């Protein structure tokens, strides 16, 4: 357990940041799932709309350090490929 005042303050700060990061990560996952559900239903318009909403949220998570930049790019790329494949079908 933290004993010094600075260690106690650091523990409080970490708890606050963890809560913020958890919310951002959850939001990113929620919007990713919305895109995947739209793709699974075969609705191109809904999938494209969900992707346009999800993409900035995913990239913002990368900017904030929730996920790595390359991970975010990979997620967006894979989702967009799936939406475009739906358009081709």
N, C-alpha and C. Protein backbone atom coordinates (compact mmCIF):
# COMPACT_ATOMS: atom_id res chain seq x y z
N UNK A 1 0.85 -1.19 0.00
CA UNK A 1 0.00 0.00 0.00
C UNK A 1 0.88 1.24 0.00
N UNK A 2 0.40 2.28 -0.70
CA UNK A 2 1.16 3.52 -0.79
C UNK A 2 1.22 4.22 0.56
N UNK A 3 2.39 4.66 0.94
CA UNK A 3 2.56 5.32 2.24
C UNK A 3 2.84 6.81 2.12
N UNK A 4 3.65 7.21 1.16
CA UNK A 4 4.01 8.62 1.05
C UNK A 4 2.85 9.40 0.41
N UNK A 5 2.77 10.68 0.70
CA UNK A 5 1.70 11.49 0.09
C UNK A 5 1.74 11.49 -1.44
N UNK A 6 2.94 11.52 -1.99
CA UNK A 6 3.05 11.53 -3.45
C UNK A 6 2.58 10.20 -4.05
N UNK A 7 2.87 9.10 -3.37
CA UNK A 7 2.42 7.80 -3.85
C UNK A 7 0.90 7.67 -3.76
N UNK A 8 0.33 8.24 -2.70
CA UNK A 8 -1.14 8.22 -2.55
C UNK A 8 -1.79 9.04 -3.65
N UNK A 9 -1.19 10.20 -3.96
CA UNK A 9 -1.73 11.04 -5.03
C UNK A 9 -1.63 10.33 -6.37
N UNK A 10 -0.50 9.67 -6.59
CA UNK A 10 -0.32 8.94 -7.85
C UNK A 10 -1.38 7.85 -8.00
N UNK A 11 -1.71 7.19 -6.90
CA UNK A 11 -2.73 6.15 -6.93
C UNK A 11 -4.09 6.74 -7.30
N UNK A 12 -4.40 7.90 -6.77
CA UNK A 12 -5.67 8.56 -7.10
C UNK A 12 -5.70 8.95 -8.58
N UNK A 13 -4.59 9.49 -9.07
CA UNK A 13 -4.53 9.90 -10.47
C UNK A 13 -4.69 8.70 -11.40
N UNK A 14 -4.04 7.60 -11.04
CA UNK A 14 -4.12 6.39 -11.86
C UNK A 14 -5.56 5.88 -11.91
N UNK A 15 -6.25 5.94 -10.78
CA UNK A 15 -7.64 5.48 -10.73
C UNK A 15 -8.53 6.34 -11.64
N UNK A 16 -8.30 7.65 -11.65
CA UNK A 16 -9.09 8.53 -12.51
C UNK A 16 -8.80 8.25 -13.99
N UNK A 17 -7.54 8.10 -14.33
CA UNK A 17 -7.18 7.84 -15.73
C UNK A 17 -7.71 6.49 -16.18
N UNK A 18 -7.67 5.51 -15.28
CA UNK A 18 -8.17 4.18 -15.62
C UNK A 18 -9.65 4.24 -15.96
N UNK A 19 -10.41 5.01 -15.20
CA UNK A 19 -11.85 5.14 -15.46
C UNK A 19 -12.09 5.79 -16.82
N UNK A 20 -11.33 6.83 -17.13
CA UNK A 20 -11.49 7.51 -18.42
C UNK A 20 -11.12 6.58 -19.56
N UNK A 21 -9.99 5.88 -19.41
CA UNK A 21 -9.53 4.97 -20.46
C UNK A 21 -10.52 3.84 -20.66
N UNK A 22 -11.09 3.34 -19.58
CA UNK A 22 -12.05 2.25 -19.67
C UNK A 22 -13.29 2.70 -20.45
N UNK A 23 -13.75 3.91 -20.19
CA UNK A 23 -14.91 4.44 -20.90
C UNK A 23 -14.61 4.61 -22.39
N UNK A 24 -13.44 5.11 -22.70
CA UNK A 24 -13.07 5.31 -24.11
C UNK A 24 -12.94 3.98 -24.83
N UNK A 25 -12.35 3.00 -24.17
CA UNK A 25 -12.19 1.68 -24.77
C UNK A 25 -13.55 1.03 -25.01
N UNK A 26 -14.45 1.18 -24.05
CA UNK A 26 -15.79 0.63 -24.17
C UNK A 26 -16.55 1.30 -25.32
N UNK A 27 -16.42 2.61 -25.43
CA UNK A 27 -17.08 3.35 -26.52
C UNK A 27 -16.56 2.88 -27.87
N UNK A 28 -15.26 2.69 -27.99
CA UNK A 28 -14.68 2.23 -29.24
C UNK A 28 -15.23 0.85 -29.60
N UNK A 29 -15.28 -0.04 -28.62
CA UNK A 29 -15.77 -1.39 -28.88
C UNK A 29 -17.25 -1.39 -29.25
N UNK A 30 -18.03 -0.53 -28.62
CA UNK A 30 -19.46 -0.44 -28.91
C UNK A 30 -19.68 -0.04 -30.36
N UNK A 31 -18.99 0.99 -30.81
CA UNK A 31 -19.20 1.46 -32.18
C UNK A 31 -18.63 0.47 -33.20
N UNK A 32 -17.58 -0.26 -32.84
CA UNK A 32 -17.07 -1.30 -33.71
C UNK A 32 -18.10 -2.41 -33.86
N UNK A 33 -18.74 -2.78 -32.77
CA UNK A 33 -19.77 -3.82 -32.82
C UNK A 33 -20.96 -3.39 -33.66
N UNK A 34 -21.31 -2.11 -33.61
CA UNK A 34 -22.42 -1.62 -34.43
C UNK A 34 -22.12 -1.79 -35.92
N UNK A 35 -20.88 -1.54 -36.31
CA UNK A 35 -20.49 -1.74 -37.70
C UNK A 35 -20.58 -3.22 -38.05
N UNK A 36 -20.06 -4.08 -37.18
CA UNK A 36 -20.07 -5.51 -37.45
C UNK A 36 -21.49 -6.06 -37.53
N UNK A 37 -22.39 -5.56 -36.68
CA UNK A 37 -23.78 -6.01 -36.72
C UNK A 37 -24.45 -5.57 -38.02
N UNK A 38 -24.15 -4.36 -38.48
CA UNK A 38 -24.73 -3.88 -39.74
C UNK A 38 -24.20 -4.70 -40.91
N UNK A 39 -22.93 -5.07 -40.85
CA UNK A 39 -22.36 -5.91 -41.92
C UNK A 39 -23.02 -7.28 -41.89
N UNK A 40 -23.19 -7.83 -40.71
CA UNK A 40 -23.80 -9.17 -40.59
C UNK A 40 -25.24 -9.17 -41.09
N UNK A 41 -25.95 -8.06 -40.89
CA UNK A 41 -27.34 -8.00 -41.35
C UNK A 41 -27.42 -7.79 -42.86
N UNK A 42 -26.31 -7.38 -43.47
CA UNK A 42 -26.28 -7.18 -44.91
C UNK A 42 -26.80 -5.83 -45.34
N UNK A 43 -26.98 -4.91 -44.41
CA UNK A 43 -27.49 -3.58 -44.72
C UNK A 43 -26.33 -2.65 -45.04
N UNK A 44 -26.14 -2.35 -46.32
CA UNK A 44 -25.00 -1.54 -46.76
C UNK A 44 -25.08 -0.11 -46.23
N UNK A 45 -26.27 0.50 -46.30
CA UNK A 45 -26.40 1.88 -45.86
C UNK A 45 -26.09 2.02 -44.36
N UNK A 46 -26.62 1.09 -43.57
CA UNK A 46 -26.37 1.14 -42.12
C UNK A 46 -24.90 0.87 -41.82
N UNK A 47 -24.30 -0.05 -42.56
CA UNK A 47 -22.89 -0.38 -42.34
C UNK A 47 -21.99 0.81 -42.67
N UNK A 48 -22.28 1.47 -43.78
CA UNK A 48 -21.47 2.63 -44.18
C UNK A 48 -21.64 3.77 -43.18
N UNK A 49 -22.87 3.98 -42.72
CA UNK A 49 -23.11 5.05 -41.75
C UNK A 49 -22.42 4.73 -40.42
N UNK A 50 -22.51 3.48 -40.00
CA UNK A 50 -21.88 3.09 -38.74
C UNK A 50 -20.36 3.21 -38.84
N UNK A 51 -19.81 2.87 -40.00
CA UNK A 51 -18.36 2.97 -40.19
C UNK A 51 -17.91 4.43 -40.14
N UNK A 52 -18.69 5.32 -40.75
CA UNK A 52 -18.29 6.73 -40.75
C UNK A 52 -18.33 7.33 -39.34
N UNK A 53 -19.17 6.75 -38.47
CA UNK A 53 -19.21 7.21 -37.08
C UNK A 53 -18.09 6.54 -36.27
N UNK A 54 -17.82 5.27 -36.54
CA UNK A 54 -16.86 4.51 -35.75
C UNK A 54 -15.41 4.90 -36.05
N UNK A 55 -15.13 5.24 -37.29
CA UNK A 55 -13.73 5.51 -37.67
C UNK A 55 -13.09 6.63 -36.84
N UNK A 56 -13.71 7.81 -36.70
CA UNK A 56 -13.06 8.84 -35.88
C UNK A 56 -12.95 8.46 -34.41
N UNK A 57 -13.88 7.66 -33.92
CA UNK A 57 -13.82 7.23 -32.52
C UNK A 57 -12.63 6.30 -32.31
N UNK A 58 -12.42 5.40 -33.26
CA UNK A 58 -11.29 4.47 -33.17
C UNK A 58 -9.97 5.23 -33.26
N UNK A 59 -9.88 6.16 -34.19
CA UNK A 59 -8.64 6.90 -34.36
C UNK A 59 -8.39 7.84 -33.18
N UNK A 60 -9.45 8.36 -32.58
CA UNK A 60 -9.28 9.21 -31.39
C UNK A 60 -8.75 8.39 -30.22
N UNK A 61 -9.21 7.13 -30.14
CA UNK A 61 -8.71 6.24 -29.10
C UNK A 61 -7.20 6.02 -29.29
N UNK A 62 -6.77 5.95 -30.54
CA UNK A 62 -5.33 5.80 -30.80
C UNK A 62 -4.58 7.05 -30.37
N UNK A 63 -5.14 8.22 -30.65
CA UNK A 63 -4.49 9.47 -30.26
C UNK A 63 -4.37 9.59 -28.75
N UNK A 64 -5.36 9.07 -28.04
CA UNK A 64 -5.37 9.17 -26.59
C UNK A 64 -4.57 8.05 -25.91
N UNK A 65 -4.03 7.13 -26.71
CA UNK A 65 -3.19 6.08 -26.14
C UNK A 65 -3.95 4.87 -25.66
N UNK A 66 -5.22 4.74 -26.04
CA UNK A 66 -6.02 3.59 -25.62
C UNK A 66 -5.56 2.35 -26.39
N UNK A 67 -5.37 2.53 -27.68
CA UNK A 67 -4.82 1.47 -28.54
C UNK A 67 -3.68 2.08 -29.34
N UNK A 68 -2.82 1.22 -29.85
CA UNK A 68 -1.71 1.68 -30.67
C UNK A 68 -2.24 2.20 -32.00
N UNK A 69 -1.51 3.14 -32.61
CA UNK A 69 -1.91 3.74 -33.87
C UNK A 69 -2.10 2.70 -34.96
N UNK A 70 -1.19 1.75 -35.03
CA UNK A 70 -1.28 0.72 -36.07
C UNK A 70 -2.47 -0.20 -35.83
N UNK A 71 -2.77 -0.47 -34.57
CA UNK A 71 -3.93 -1.30 -34.24
C UNK A 71 -5.21 -0.61 -34.69
N UNK A 72 -5.31 0.68 -34.42
CA UNK A 72 -6.50 1.43 -34.82
C UNK A 72 -6.62 1.45 -36.34
N UNK A 73 -5.52 1.67 -37.03
CA UNK A 73 -5.54 1.69 -38.49
C UNK A 73 -5.96 0.34 -39.04
N UNK A 74 -5.46 -0.71 -38.42
CA UNK A 74 -5.81 -2.07 -38.87
C UNK A 74 -7.30 -2.33 -38.68
N UNK A 75 -7.85 -1.92 -37.54
CA UNK A 75 -9.28 -2.11 -37.27
C UNK A 75 -10.13 -1.37 -38.30
N UNK A 76 -9.79 -0.11 -38.56
CA UNK A 76 -10.54 0.69 -39.52
C UNK A 76 -10.42 0.07 -40.91
N UNK A 77 -9.22 -0.34 -41.26
CA UNK A 77 -8.99 -0.92 -42.58
C UNK A 77 -9.81 -2.19 -42.78
N UNK A 78 -9.81 -3.07 -41.80
CA UNK A 78 -10.55 -4.32 -41.92
C UNK A 78 -12.04 -4.09 -41.99
N UNK A 79 -12.53 -3.14 -41.18
CA UNK A 79 -13.96 -2.84 -41.23
C UNK A 79 -14.35 -2.24 -42.57
N UNK A 80 -13.53 -1.32 -43.08
CA UNK A 80 -13.86 -0.68 -44.35
C UNK A 80 -13.80 -1.68 -45.50
N UNK A 81 -12.86 -2.62 -45.43
CA UNK A 81 -12.81 -3.66 -46.46
C UNK A 81 -14.07 -4.51 -46.45
N UNK A 82 -14.54 -4.82 -45.25
CA UNK A 82 -15.75 -5.63 -45.15
C UNK A 82 -16.98 -4.87 -45.66
N UNK A 83 -17.03 -3.56 -45.39
CA UNK A 83 -18.15 -2.76 -45.88
C UNK A 83 -18.10 -2.67 -47.41
N UNK A 84 -16.90 -2.48 -47.96
CA UNK A 84 -16.78 -2.41 -49.41
C UNK A 84 -17.09 -3.75 -50.06
N UNK A 85 -16.74 -4.84 -49.40
CA UNK A 85 -17.08 -6.17 -49.93
C UNK A 85 -18.59 -6.36 -49.93
N UNK A 86 -19.25 -5.80 -48.93
CA UNK A 86 -20.71 -5.86 -48.88
C UNK A 86 -21.31 -5.07 -50.05
N UNK A 87 -20.68 -3.97 -50.39
CA UNK A 87 -21.16 -3.15 -51.51
C UNK A 87 -20.99 -3.88 -52.83
N UNK A 88 -19.92 -4.64 -52.96
CA UNK A 88 -19.65 -5.38 -54.19
C UNK A 88 -20.61 -6.56 -54.37
N UNK A 89 -21.05 -7.13 -53.25
CA UNK A 89 -21.91 -8.32 -53.33
C UNK A 89 -23.34 -7.99 -53.70
